[in-house]
C-alpha cells in the first residue's frame, strides 16, 4: 500500500486540517485595502486584556429584556477590529456595512459571558 492510499488501494480522503488556532476568518463580500493591498479576508486573533483596556468592551448583553439582547458599541467594536486584525483604522472604516456587521457578530462571542448552570 502506497502512501495516501486506503486499504483497498484507492486514494485516501484528505484529512481535515486541525484547527491551528483560535483565529476568526471573515471572507469579505467587498474587498478593502489594508497596508496598500486589496484584501478579501480579515483574520482576527483572540483578544487579550490589553486589547480590552485599549479598545473597551464592544459588546454587552442587556438582560432587562426578554430574550436578552446583545448590543454593540460601534466605535469600540471598530477599534477592537483594528487591534485584532492588525489593520489600519481605514480598513475597518471602508468595510461594507454587511461585512462590518458580520465581523461584529462573529467577534461578539469574545465579549459576552459564558453562562453555565
PDB file of N, CA and C in Angstrom:
ATOM      1  N   UNK A   1       0.859  -1.173   0.000  1.00  0.00           N
ATOM      2  CA  UNK A   1       0.000   0.000   0.000  1.00  0.00           C
ATOM      3  C   UNK A   1       0.902   1.232   0.000  1.00  0.00           C
ATOM      4  N   UNK A   2       0.687   2.100  -0.952  1.00  0.00           N
ATOM      5  CA  UNK A   2       1.476   3.324  -1.070  1.00  0.00           C
ATOM      6  C   UNK A   2       0.933   4.388  -0.135  1.00  0.00           C
ATOM      7  N   UNK A   3       1.793   5.372   0.176  1.00  0.00           N
ATOM      8  CA  UNK A   3       1.328   6.494   0.986  1.00  0.00           C
ATOM      9  C   UNK A   3       0.149   7.149   0.300  1.00  0.00           C
ATOM     10  N   UNK A   4      -0.848   7.558   1.066  1.00  0.00           N
ATOM     11  CA  UNK A   4      -2.000   8.254   0.507  1.00  0.00           C
ATOM     12  C   UNK A   4      -3.050   7.326  -0.068  1.00  0.00           C
ATOM     13  N   UNK A   5      -2.923   5.986   0.176  1.00  0.00           N
ATOM     14  CA  UNK A   5      -3.929   5.047  -0.314  1.00  0.00           C
ATOM     15  C   UNK A   5      -4.645   4.410   0.858  1.00  0.00           C
ATOM     16  N   UNK A   6      -5.907   4.018   0.621  1.00  0.00           N
ATOM     17  CA  UNK A   6      -6.680   3.262   1.590  1.00  0.00           C
ATOM     18  C   UNK A   6      -6.254   1.804   1.534  1.00  0.00           C
ATOM     19  N   UNK A   7      -6.836   0.974   2.403  1.00  0.00           N
ATOM     20  CA  UNK A   7      -6.550  -0.453   2.395  1.00  0.00           C
ATOM     21  C   UNK A   7      -6.919  -1.092   1.061  1.00  0.00           C
ATOM     22  N   UNK A   8      -7.941  -0.572   0.386  1.00  0.00           N
ATOM     23  CA  UNK A   8      -8.366  -1.158  -0.884  1.00  0.00           C
ATOM     24  C   UNK A   8      -7.585  -0.601  -2.070  1.00  0.00           C
ATOM     25  N   UNK A   9      -6.547   0.194  -1.832  1.00  0.00           N
ATOM     26  CA  UNK A   9      -5.693   0.693  -2.894  1.00  0.00           C
ATOM     27  C   UNK A   9      -6.169   1.959  -3.571  1.00  0.00           C
ATOM     28  N   UNK A  10      -7.310   2.507  -3.147  1.00  0.00           N
ATOM     29  CA  UNK A  10      -7.796   3.751  -3.741  1.00  0.00           C
ATOM     30  C   UNK A  10      -7.222   4.932  -2.983  1.00  0.00           C
ATOM     31  N   UNK A  11      -7.305   6.087  -3.592  1.00  0.00           N
ATOM     32  CA  UNK A  11      -6.773   7.299  -2.962  1.00  0.00           C
ATOM     33  C   UNK A  11      -7.498   7.573  -1.658  1.00  0.00           C
ATOM     34  N   UNK A  12      -6.742   7.892  -0.640  1.00  0.00           N
ATOM     35  CA  UNK A  12      -7.316   8.193   0.672  1.00  0.00           C
ATOM     36  C   UNK A  12      -7.949   9.573   0.657  1.00  0.00           C
ATOM     37  N   UNK A  13      -9.019   9.709   1.428  1.00  0.00           N
ATOM     38  CA  UNK A  13      -9.642  11.024   1.611  1.00  0.00           C
ATOM     39  C   UNK A  13      -8.655  11.909   2.351  1.00  0.00           C
ATOM     40  N   UNK A  14      -8.528  13.174   1.952  1.00  0.00           N
ATOM     41  CA  UNK A  14      -7.627  14.051   2.699  1.00  0.00           C
ATOM     42  C   UNK A  14      -8.141  14.254   4.113  1.00  0.00           C
ATOM     43  N   UNK A  15      -7.223  14.278   5.060  1.00  0.00           N
ATOM     44  CA  UNK A  15      -7.602  14.500   6.454  1.00  0.00           C
ATOM     45  C   UNK A  15      -7.984  15.956   6.632  1.00  0.00           C
ATOM     46  N   UNK A  16      -9.056  16.209   7.404  1.00  0.00           N
ATOM     47  CA  UNK A  16      -9.397  17.612   7.651  1.00  0.00           C
ATOM     48  C   UNK A  16      -8.281  18.278   8.440  1.00  0.00           C
ATOM     49  N   UNK A  17      -8.007  19.510   8.087  1.00  0.00           N
ATOM     50  CA  UNK A  17      -6.955  20.246   8.782  1.00  0.00           C
ATOM     51  C   UNK A  17      -7.368  20.478  10.222  1.00  0.00           C
ATOM     52  N   UNK A  18      -6.457  20.248  11.122  1.00  0.00           N
ATOM     53  CA  UNK A  18      -6.726  20.530  12.528  1.00  0.00           C
ATOM     54  C   UNK A  18      -6.852  22.034  12.695  1.00  0.00           C
ATOM     55  N   UNK A  19      -7.688  22.426  13.642  1.00  0.00           N
ATOM     56  CA  UNK A  19      -7.840  23.860  13.906  1.00  0.00           C
ATOM     57  C   UNK A  19      -6.505  24.375  14.431  1.00  0.00           C
ATOM     58  N   UNK A  20      -5.775  25.157  13.623  1.00  0.00           N
ATOM     59  CA  UNK A  20      -4.437  25.573  14.018  1.00  0.00           C
ATOM     60  C   UNK A  20      -4.419  26.642  15.098  1.00  0.00           C
ATOM     61  N   UNK A  21      -5.524  27.359  15.280  1.00  0.00           N
ATOM     62  CA  UNK A  21      -5.521  28.467  16.224  1.00  0.00           C
ATOM     63  C   UNK A  21      -6.956  28.885  16.508  1.00  0.00           C
ATOM     64  N   UNK A  22      -7.100  29.892  17.321  1.00  0.00           N
ATOM     65  CA  UNK A  22      -8.427  30.405  17.650  1.00  0.00           C
ATOM     66  C   UNK A  22      -8.754  31.641  16.841  1.00  0.00           C
ATOM     67  N   UNK A  23      -8.209  31.743  15.657  1.00  0.00           N
ATOM     68  CA  UNK A  23      -8.455  32.920  14.827  1.00  0.00           C
ATOM     69  C   UNK A  23      -9.817  32.819  14.155  1.00  0.00           C
ATOM     70  N   UNK A  24     -10.422  33.970  13.961  1.00  0.00           N
ATOM     71  CA  UNK A  24     -11.695  34.053  13.243  1.00  0.00           C
ATOM     72  C   UNK A  24     -11.397  34.635  11.875  1.00  0.00           C
ATOM     73  N   UNK A  25     -11.782  33.910  10.852  1.00  0.00           N
ATOM     74  CA  UNK A  25     -11.559  34.346   9.471  1.00  0.00           C
ATOM     75  C   UNK A  25     -12.891  34.777   8.870  1.00  0.00           C
ATOM     76  N   UNK A  26     -12.899  35.983   8.316  1.00  0.00           N
ATOM     77  CA  UNK A  26     -14.098  36.538   7.694  1.00  0.00           C
ATOM     78  C   UNK A  26     -13.803  36.764   6.220  1.00  0.00           C
ATOM     79  N   UNK A  27     -14.533  36.080   5.352  1.00  0.00           N
ATOM     80  CA  UNK A  27     -14.423  36.341   3.923  1.00  0.00           C
ATOM     81  C   UNK A  27     -15.301  37.547   3.620  1.00  0.00           C
ATOM     82  N   UNK A  28     -14.713  38.555   3.022  1.00  0.00           N
ATOM     83  CA  UNK A  28     -15.419  39.811   2.763  1.00  0.00           C
ATOM     84  C   UNK A  28     -16.237  39.736   1.479  1.00  0.00           C
ATOM     85  N   UNK A  29     -17.406  40.355   1.503  1.00  0.00           N
ATOM     86  CA  UNK A  29     -18.217  40.476   0.288  1.00  0.00           C
ATOM     87  C   UNK A  29     -17.581  41.465  -0.676  1.00  0.00           C
ATOM     88  N   UNK A  30     -16.951  42.494  -0.110  1.00  0.00           N
ATOM     89  CA  UNK A  30     -16.301  43.530  -0.919  1.00  0.00           C
ATOM     90  C   UNK A  30     -14.875  43.719  -0.419  1.00  0.00           C
ATOM     91  N   UNK A  31     -13.925  43.704  -1.325  1.00  0.00           N
ATOM     92  CA  UNK A  31     -12.528  43.888  -0.955  1.00  0.00           C
ATOM     93  C   UNK A  31     -12.297  45.276  -0.360  1.00  0.00           C
ATOM     94  N   UNK A  32     -11.302  45.338   0.533  1.00  0.00           N
ATOM     95  CA  UNK A  32     -10.856  46.607   1.104  1.00  0.00           C
ATOM     96  C   UNK A  32      -9.334  46.645   1.027  1.00  0.00           C
ATOM     97  N   UNK A  33      -8.772  47.816   1.259  1.00  0.00           N
ATOM     98  CA  UNK A  33      -7.320  47.976   1.220  1.00  0.00           C
ATOM     99  C   UNK A  33      -6.776  47.944   2.646  1.00  0.00           C
ATOM    100  N   UNK A  34      -5.747  47.133   2.846  1.00  0.00           N
ATOM    101  CA  UNK A  34      -5.026  47.073   4.120  1.00  0.00           C
ATOM    102  C   UNK A  34      -3.542  47.087   3.805  1.00  0.00           C
ATOM    103  N   UNK A  35      -2.826  48.034   4.368  1.00  0.00           N
ATOM    104  CA  UNK A  35      -1.378  48.140   4.160  1.00  0.00           C
ATOM    105  C   UNK A  35      -1.038  48.224   2.675  1.00  0.00           C
ATOM    106  N   UNK A  36      -1.867  48.935   1.910  1.00  0.00           N
ATOM    107  CA  UNK A  36      -1.593  49.167   0.497  1.00  0.00           C
ATOM    108  C   UNK A  36      -1.990  48.042  -0.446  1.00  0.00           C
ATOM    109  N   UNK A  37      -2.602  46.979   0.082  1.00  0.00           N
ATOM    110  CA  UNK A  37      -3.011  45.857  -0.759  1.00  0.00           C
ATOM    111  C   UNK A  37      -4.498  45.588  -0.599  1.00  0.00           C
ATOM    112  N   UNK A  38      -5.155  45.198  -1.702  1.00  0.00           N
ATOM    113  CA  UNK A  38      -6.557  44.804  -1.620  1.00  0.00           C
ATOM    114  C   UNK A  38      -6.639  43.426  -0.978  1.00  0.00           C
ATOM    115  N   UNK A  39      -7.554  43.305  -0.019  1.00  0.00           N
ATOM    116  CA  UNK A  39      -7.736  42.019   0.657  1.00  0.00           C
ATOM    117  C   UNK A  39      -9.192  41.601   0.558  1.00  0.00           C
ATOM    118  N   UNK A  40      -9.426  40.302   0.602  1.00  0.00           N
ATOM    119  CA  UNK A  40     -10.787  39.779   0.546  1.00  0.00           C
ATOM    120  C   UNK A  40     -11.115  38.963   1.790  1.00  0.00           C
ATOM    121  N   UNK A  41     -10.211  38.984   2.779  1.00  0.00           N
ATOM    122  CA  UNK A  41     -10.427  38.258   4.025  1.00  0.00           C
ATOM    123  C   UNK A  41      -9.776  39.028   5.165  1.00  0.00           C
ATOM    124  N   UNK A  42     -10.451  39.043   6.300  1.00  0.00           N
ATOM    125  CA  UNK A  42      -9.858  39.572   7.528  1.00  0.00           C
ATOM    126  C   UNK A  42      -9.667  38.404   8.483  1.00  0.00           C
ATOM    127  N   UNK A  43      -8.551  38.395   9.180  1.00  0.00           N
ATOM    128  CA  UNK A  43      -8.262  37.353  10.158  1.00  0.00           C
ATOM    129  C   UNK A  43      -8.095  38.037  11.506  1.00  0.00           C
ATOM    130  N   UNK A  44      -8.949  37.663  12.455  1.00  0.00           N
ATOM    131  CA  UNK A  44      -8.939  38.260  13.785  1.00  0.00           C
ATOM    132  C   UNK A  44      -8.377  37.257  14.786  1.00  0.00           C
ATOM    133  N   UNK A  45      -7.451  37.704  15.628  1.00  0.00           N
ATOM    134  CA  UNK A  45      -6.948  36.868  16.717  1.00  0.00           C
ATOM    135  C   UNK A  45      -7.860  37.030  17.928  1.00  0.00           C
ATOM    136  N   UNK A  46      -7.686  36.156  18.894  1.00  0.00           N
ATOM    137  CA  UNK A  46      -8.454  36.259  20.131  1.00  0.00           C
ATOM    138  C   UNK A  46      -7.968  37.469  20.925  1.00  0.00           C
ATOM    139  N   UNK A  47      -8.888  38.254  21.503  1.00  0.00           N
ATOM    140  CA  UNK A  47      -8.469  39.438  22.256  1.00  0.00           C
ATOM    141  C   UNK A  47      -7.835  39.080  23.598  1.00  0.00           C
ATOM    142  N   UNK A  48      -7.046  40.013  24.086  1.00  0.00           N
ATOM    143  CA  UNK A  48      -6.427  39.895  25.408  1.00  0.00           C
ATOM    144  C   UNK A  48      -6.982  41.001  26.302  1.00  0.00           C
ATOM    145  N   UNK A  49      -6.618  40.942  27.567  1.00  0.00           N
ATOM    146  CA  UNK A  49      -6.995  42.015  28.477  1.00  0.00           C
ATOM    147  C   UNK A  49      -6.462  43.359  28.011  1.00  0.00           C
ATOM    148  N   UNK A  50      -5.260  43.358  27.437  1.00  0.00           N
ATOM    149  CA  UNK A  50      -4.679  44.608  26.928  1.00  0.00           C
ATOM    150  C   UNK A  50      -5.526  45.187  25.797  1.00  0.00           C
ATOM    151  N   UNK A  51      -6.093  44.322  24.957  1.00  0.00           N
ATOM    152  CA  UNK A  51      -6.970  44.799  23.880  1.00  0.00           C
ATOM    153  C   UNK A  51      -8.223  45.449  24.459  1.00  0.00           C
ATOM    154  N   UNK A  52      -8.770  44.850  25.510  1.00  0.00           N
ATOM    155  CA  UNK A  52      -9.970  45.410  26.142  1.00  0.00           C
ATOM    156  C   UNK A  52      -9.639  46.747  26.798  1.00  0.00           C
ATOM    157  N   UNK A  53      -8.463  46.853  27.441  1.00  0.00           N
ATOM    158  CA  UNK A  53      -8.055  48.140  28.011  1.00  0.00           C
ATOM    159  C   UNK A  53      -7.917  49.203  26.931  1.00  0.00           C
ATOM    160  N   UNK A  54      -7.396  48.819  25.772  1.00  0.00           N
ATOM    161  CA  UNK A  54      -7.158  49.782  24.691  1.00  0.00           C
ATOM    162  C   UNK A  54      -8.435  50.176  23.957  1.00  0.00           C
ATOM    163  N   UNK A  55      -9.306  49.206  23.703  1.00  0.00           N
ATOM    164  CA  UNK A  55     -10.476  49.473  22.851  1.00  0.00           C
ATOM    165  C   UNK A  55     -11.798  49.484  23.602  1.00  0.00           C
ATOM    166  N   UNK A  56     -11.837  48.918  24.792  1.00  0.00           N
ATOM    167  CA  UNK A  56     -13.090  48.812  25.527  1.00  0.00           C
ATOM    168  C   UNK A  56     -13.752  47.465  25.276  1.00  0.00           C
ATOM    169  N   UNK A  57     -14.901  47.272  25.907  1.00  0.00           N
ATOM    170  CA  UNK A  57     -15.691  46.055  25.704  1.00  0.00           C
ATOM    171  C   UNK A  57     -16.778  46.403  24.693  1.00  0.00           C
ATOM    172  N   UNK A  58     -16.643  45.937  23.455  1.00  0.00           N
ATOM    173  CA  UNK A  58     -17.513  46.416  22.376  1.00  0.00           C
ATOM    174  C   UNK A  58     -18.889  45.776  22.282  1.00  0.00           C
ATOM    175  N   UNK A  59     -19.155  44.762  23.090  1.00  0.00           N
ATOM    176  CA  UNK A  59     -20.467  44.114  23.045  1.00  0.00           C
ATOM    177  C   UNK A  59     -20.940  43.862  24.469  1.00  0.00           C
ATOM    178  N   UNK A  60     -22.207  44.114  24.708  1.00  0.00           N
ATOM    179  CA  UNK A  60     -22.795  43.873  26.022  1.00  0.00           C
ATOM    180  C   UNK A  60     -24.117  43.144  25.851  1.00  0.00           C
ATOM    181  N   UNK A  61     -24.547  42.503  26.923  1.00  0.00           N
ATOM    182  CA  UNK A  61     -25.847  41.836  26.912  1.00  0.00           C
ATOM    183  C   UNK A  61     -26.789  42.630  27.795  1.00  0.00           C
ATOM    184  N   UNK A  62     -27.945  42.944  27.253  1.00  0.00           N
ATOM    185  CA  UNK A  62     -28.993  43.638  28.006  1.00  0.00           C
ATOM    186  C   UNK A  62     -29.963  42.580  28.515  1.00  0.00           C
ATOM    187  N   UNK A  63     -29.881  42.280  29.822  1.00  0.00           N
ATOM    188  CA  UNK A  63     -30.743  41.271  30.428  1.00  0.00           C
ATOM    189  C   UNK A  63     -32.085  41.845  30.870  1.00  0.00           C
ATOM    190  N   UNK A  64     -32.308  43.135  30.650  1.00  0.00           N
ATOM    191  CA  UNK A  64     -33.565  43.745  31.086  1.00  0.00           C
ATOM    192  C   UNK A  64     -34.710  43.455  30.122  1.00  0.00           C
ATOM    193  N   UNK A  65     -34.404  42.854  28.990  1.00  0.00           N
ATOM    194  CA  UNK A  65     -35.442  42.493  28.016  1.00  0.00           C
ATOM    195  C   UNK A  65     -35.461  40.977  27.860  1.00  0.00           C
ATOM    196  N   UNK A  66     -36.589  40.474  27.396  1.00  0.00           N
ATOM    197  CA  UNK A  66     -36.720  39.039  27.192  1.00  0.00           C
ATOM    198  C   UNK A  66     -37.075  38.771  25.743  1.00  0.00           C
ATOM    199  N   UNK A  67     -36.255  38.098  24.987  1.00  0.00           N
ATOM    200  CA  UNK A  67     -34.982  37.494  25.385  1.00  0.00           C
ATOM    201  C   UNK A  67     -33.888  38.549  25.515  1.00  0.00           C
ATOM    202  N   UNK A  68     -32.810  38.219  26.246  1.00  0.00           N
ATOM    203  CA  UNK A  68     -31.698  39.166  26.365  1.00  0.00           C
ATOM    204  C   UNK A  68     -31.187  39.578  24.985  1.00  0.00           C
ATOM    205  N   UNK A  69     -30.668  40.797  24.913  1.00  0.00           N
ATOM    206  CA  UNK A  69     -30.254  41.371  23.627  1.00  0.00           C
ATOM    207  C   UNK A  69     -28.776  41.744  23.689  1.00  0.00           C
ATOM    208  N   UNK A  70     -28.040  41.401  22.622  1.00  0.00           N
ATOM    209  CA  UNK A  70     -26.637  41.813  22.507  1.00  0.00           C
ATOM    210  C   UNK A  70     -26.609  43.167  21.813  1.00  0.00           C
ATOM    211  N   UNK A  71     -25.884  44.107  22.409  1.00  0.00           N
ATOM    212  CA  UNK A  71     -25.752  45.445  21.827  1.00  0.00           C
ATOM    213  C   UNK A  71     -24.272  45.725  21.577  1.00  0.00           C
ATOM    214  N   UNK A  72     -23.998  46.409  20.474  1.00  0.00           N
ATOM    215  CA  UNK A  72     -22.626  46.765  20.112  1.00  0.00           C
ATOM    216  C   UNK A  72     -22.392  48.251  20.319  1.00  0.00           C
ATOM    217  N   UNK A  73     -21.213  48.586  20.829  1.00  0.00           N
ATOM    218  CA  UNK A  73     -20.731  49.956  20.793  1.00  0.00           C
ATOM    219  C   UNK A  73     -19.884  50.024  19.527  1.00  0.00           C
ATOM    220  N   UNK A  74     -20.375  50.729  18.523  1.00  0.00           N
ATOM    221  CA  UNK A  74     -19.751  50.695  17.201  1.00  0.00           C
ATOM    222  C   UNK A  74     -18.310  51.202  17.213  1.00  0.00           C
ATOM    223  N   UNK A  75     -18.048  52.290  17.940  1.00  0.00           N
ATOM    224  CA  UNK A  75     -16.678  52.820  17.980  1.00  0.00           C
ATOM    225  C   UNK A  75     -15.725  51.835  18.653  1.00  0.00           C
ATOM    226  N   UNK A  76     -16.170  51.249  19.757  1.00  0.00           N
ATOM    227  CA  UNK A  76     -15.326  50.275  20.445  1.00  0.00           C
ATOM    228  C   UNK A  76     -15.126  49.027  19.597  1.00  0.00           C
ATOM    229  N   UNK A  77     -16.176  48.579  18.891  1.00  0.00           N
ATOM    230  CA  UNK A  77     -16.040  47.391  18.049  1.00  0.00           C
ATOM    231  C   UNK A  77     -15.086  47.666  16.895  1.00  0.00           C
ATOM    232  N   UNK A  78     -15.194  48.840  16.280  1.00  0.00           N
ATOM    233  CA  UNK A  78     -14.269  49.175  15.191  1.00  0.00           C
ATOM    234  C   UNK A  78     -12.835  49.226  15.703  1.00  0.00           C
ATOM    235  N   UNK A  79     -12.632  49.838  16.878  1.00  0.00           N
ATOM    236  CA  UNK A  79     -11.288  49.897  17.466  1.00  0.00           C
ATOM    237  C   UNK A  79     -10.776  48.492  17.778  1.00  0.00           C
ATOM    238  N   UNK A  80     -11.659  47.625  18.253  1.00  0.00           N
ATOM    239  CA  UNK A  80     -11.264  46.250  18.558  1.00  0.00           C
ATOM    240  C   UNK A  80     -10.916  45.498  17.275  1.00  0.00           C
ATOM    241  N   UNK A  81     -11.683  45.710  16.209  1.00  0.00           N
ATOM    242  CA  UNK A  81     -11.379  45.057  14.932  1.00  0.00           C
ATOM    243  C   UNK A  81      -9.992  45.455  14.442  1.00  0.00           C
ATOM    244  N   UNK A  82      -9.658  46.738  14.580  1.00  0.00           N
ATOM    245  CA  UNK A  82      -8.326  47.218  14.189  1.00  0.00           C
ATOM    246  C   UNK A  82      -7.261  46.466  14.981  1.00  0.00           C
ATOM    247  N   UNK A  83      -7.451  46.380  16.308  1.00  0.00           N
ATOM    248  CA  UNK A  83      -6.489  45.701  17.182  1.00  0.00           C
ATOM    249  C   UNK A  83      -6.321  44.234  16.790  1.00  0.00           C
ATOM    250  N   UNK A  84      -7.446  43.540  16.633  1.00  0.00           N
ATOM    251  CA  UNK A  84      -7.398  42.088  16.462  1.00  0.00           C
ATOM    252  C   UNK A  84      -6.980  41.651  15.067  1.00  0.00           C
ATOM    253  N   UNK A  85      -7.269  42.463  14.066  1.00  0.00           N
ATOM    254  CA  UNK A  85      -6.887  42.111  12.692  1.00  0.00           C
ATOM    255  C   UNK A  85      -5.529  42.693  12.310  1.00  0.00           C
ATOM    256  N   UNK A  86      -5.027  43.649  13.095  1.00  0.00           N
ATOM    257  CA  UNK A  86      -3.737  44.261  12.778  1.00  0.00           C
ATOM    258  C   UNK A  86      -3.763  45.055  11.486  1.00  0.00           C
ATOM    259  N   UNK A  87      -4.891  45.729  11.259  1.00  0.00           N
ATOM    260  CA  UNK A  87      -5.040  46.542  10.044  1.00  0.00           C
ATOM    261  C   UNK A  87      -5.219  48.004  10.441  1.00  0.00           C
ATOM    262  N   UNK A  88      -5.007  48.928   9.505  1.00  0.00           N
ATOM    263  CA  UNK A  88      -5.228  50.342   9.814  1.00  0.00           C
ATOM    264  C   UNK A  88      -6.717  50.634  10.034  1.00  0.00           C
ATOM    265  N   UNK A  89      -7.033  51.671  10.805  1.00  0.00           N
ATOM    266  CA  UNK A  89      -8.438  52.046  11.004  1.00  0.00           C
ATOM    267  C   UNK A  89      -9.184  52.259   9.690  1.00  0.00           C
ATOM    268  N   UNK A  90      -8.500  52.757   8.663  1.00  0.00           N
ATOM    269  CA  UNK A  90      -9.172  52.998   7.379  1.00  0.00           C
ATOM    270  C   UNK A  90      -9.707  51.708   6.769  1.00  0.00           C
ATOM    271  N   UNK A  91      -9.059  50.589   7.032  1.00  0.00           N
ATOM    272  CA  UNK A  91      -9.537  49.307   6.502  1.00  0.00           C
ATOM    273  C   UNK A  91     -10.902  48.980   7.085  1.00  0.00           C
ATOM    274  N   UNK A  92     -11.047  49.141   8.387  1.00  0.00           N
ATOM    275  CA  UNK A  92     -12.321  48.832   9.044  1.00  0.00           C
ATOM    276  C   UNK A  92     -13.378  49.851   8.639  1.00  0.00           C
ATOM    277  N   UNK A  93     -13.003  51.115   8.553  1.00  0.00           N
ATOM    278  CA  UNK A  93     -13.964  52.154   8.151  1.00  0.00           C
ATOM    279  C   UNK A  93     -14.487  51.932   6.742  1.00  0.00           C
ATOM    280  N   UNK A  94     -13.702  51.292   5.883  1.00  0.00           N
ATOM    281  CA  UNK A  94     -14.113  51.071   4.499  1.00  0.00           C
ATOM    282  C   UNK A  94     -14.809  49.734   4.258  1.00  0.00           C
ATOM    283  N   UNK A  95     -15.019  48.948   5.322  1.00  0.00           N
ATOM    284  CA  UNK A  95     -15.784  47.712   5.158  1.00  0.00           C
ATOM    285  C   UNK A  95     -17.204  48.046   4.729  1.00  0.00           C
ATOM    286  N   UNK A  96     -17.798  47.172   3.937  1.00  0.00           N
ATOM    287  CA  UNK A  96     -19.223  47.339   3.644  1.00  0.00           C
ATOM    288  C   UNK A  96     -19.982  47.143   4.954  1.00  0.00           C
ATOM    289  N   UNK A  97     -21.174  47.681   5.038  1.00  0.00           N
ATOM    290  CA  UNK A  97     -21.944  47.536   6.280  1.00  0.00           C
ATOM    291  C   UNK A  97     -22.175  46.061   6.597  1.00  0.00           C
ATOM    292  N   UNK A  98     -22.442  45.257   5.587  1.00  0.00           N
ATOM    293  CA  UNK A  98     -22.683  43.831   5.819  1.00  0.00           C
ATOM    294  C   UNK A  98     -21.423  43.128   6.331  1.00  0.00           C
ATOM    295  N   UNK A  99     -20.266  43.461   5.775  1.00  0.00           N
ATOM    296  CA  UNK A  99     -19.018  42.860   6.250  1.00  0.00           C
ATOM    297  C   UNK A  99     -18.720  43.289   7.685  1.00  0.00           C
ATOM    298  N   UNK A 100     -18.965  44.570   8.011  1.00  0.00           N
ATOM    299  CA  UNK A 100     -18.722  45.055   9.373  1.00  0.00           C
ATOM    300  C   UNK A 100     -19.630  44.319  10.356  1.00  0.00           C
ATOM    301  N   UNK A 101     -20.911  44.214  10.022  1.00  0.00           N
ATOM    302  CA  UNK A 101     -21.870  43.554  10.917  1.00  0.00           C
ATOM    303  C   UNK A 101     -21.530  42.075  11.072  1.00  0.00           C
ATOM    304  N   UNK A 102     -21.168  41.422   9.985  1.00  0.00           N
ATOM    305  CA  UNK A 102     -20.779  40.014  10.051  1.00  0.00           C
ATOM    306  C   UNK A 102     -19.583  39.837  10.982  1.00  0.00           C
ATOM    307  N   UNK A 103     -18.584  40.684  10.842  1.00  0.00           N
ATOM    308  CA  UNK A 103     -17.404  40.606  11.707  1.00  0.00           C
ATOM    309  C   UNK A 103     -17.780  40.877  13.163  1.00  0.00           C
ATOM    310  N   UNK A 104     -18.611  41.881  13.400  1.00  0.00           N
ATOM    311  CA  UNK A 104     -19.012  42.218  14.773  1.00  0.00           C
ATOM    312  C   UNK A 104     -19.721  41.044  15.439  1.00  0.00           C
ATOM    313  N   UNK A 105     -20.629  40.417  14.735  1.00  0.00           N
ATOM    314  CA  UNK A 105     -21.344  39.276  15.311  1.00  0.00           C
ATOM    315  C   UNK A 105     -20.406  38.112  15.583  1.00  0.00           C
ATOM    316  N   UNK A 106     -19.485  37.867  14.677  1.00  0.00           N
ATOM    317  CA  UNK A 106     -18.541  36.761  14.882  1.00  0.00           C
ATOM    318  C   UNK A 106     -17.625  37.038  16.078  1.00  0.00           C
ATOM    319  N   UNK A 107     -17.222  38.303  16.256  1.00  0.00           N
ATOM    320  CA  UNK A 107     -16.340  38.661  17.368  1.00  0.00           C
ATOM    321  C   UNK A 107     -17.076  38.754  18.700  1.00  0.00           C
ATOM    322  N   UNK A 108     -18.384  38.924  18.670  1.00  0.00           N
ATOM    323  CA  UNK A 108     -19.144  39.143  19.909  1.00  0.00           C
ATOM    324  C   UNK A 108     -18.972  38.004  20.906  1.00  0.00           C
ATOM    325  N   UNK A 109     -18.678  36.813  20.437  1.00  0.00           N
ATOM    326  CA  UNK A 109     -18.527  35.677  21.362  1.00  0.00           C
ATOM    327  C   UNK A 109     -17.417  35.899  22.381  1.00  0.00           C
ATOM    328  N   UNK A 110     -16.453  36.749  22.052  1.00  0.00           N
ATOM    329  CA  UNK A 110     -15.357  37.025  22.976  1.00  0.00           C
ATOM    330  C   UNK A 110     -15.760  37.989  24.092  1.00  0.00           C
ATOM    331  N   UNK A 111     -16.888  38.661  23.957  1.00  0.00           N
ATOM    332  CA  UNK A 111     -17.222  39.759  24.868  1.00  0.00           C
ATOM    333  C   UNK A 111     -18.499  39.542  25.668  1.00  0.00           C
ATOM    334  N   UNK A 112     -19.081  38.374  25.556  1.00  0.00           N
ATOM    335  CA  UNK A 112     -20.257  38.055  26.361  1.00  0.00           C
ATOM    336  C   UNK A 112     -19.887  36.886  27.269  1.00  0.00           C
ATOM    337  N   UNK A 113     -20.447  36.861  28.475  1.00  0.00           N
ATOM    338  CA  UNK A 113     -20.061  35.807  29.416  1.00  0.00           C
ATOM    339  C   UNK A 113     -20.558  34.441  28.968  1.00  0.00           C
ATOM    340  N   UNK A 114     -19.806  33.423  29.361  1.00  0.00           N
ATOM    341  CA  UNK A 114     -20.280  32.052  29.184  1.00  0.00           C
ATOM    342  C   UNK A 114     -21.252  31.789  30.322  1.00  0.00           C
ATOM    343  N   UNK A 115     -22.453  31.436  29.977  1.00  0.00           N
ATOM    344  CA  UNK A 115     -23.455  31.173  31.008  1.00  0.00           C
ATOM    345  C   UNK A 115     -23.479  29.680  31.305  1.00  0.00           C
ATOM    346  N   UNK A 116     -23.215  29.328  32.552  1.00  0.00           N
ATOM    347  CA  UNK A 116     -23.253  27.925  32.954  1.00  0.00           C
ATOM    348  C   UNK A 116     -24.217  27.781  34.110  1.00  0.00           C
ATOM    349  N   UNK A 117     -24.822  26.631  34.183  1.00  0.00           N
ATOM    350  CA  UNK A 117     -25.797  26.379  35.263  1.00  0.00           C
ATOM    351  C   UNK A 117     -25.209  25.405  36.243  1.00  0.00           C
TER     352      UNK A 117
END
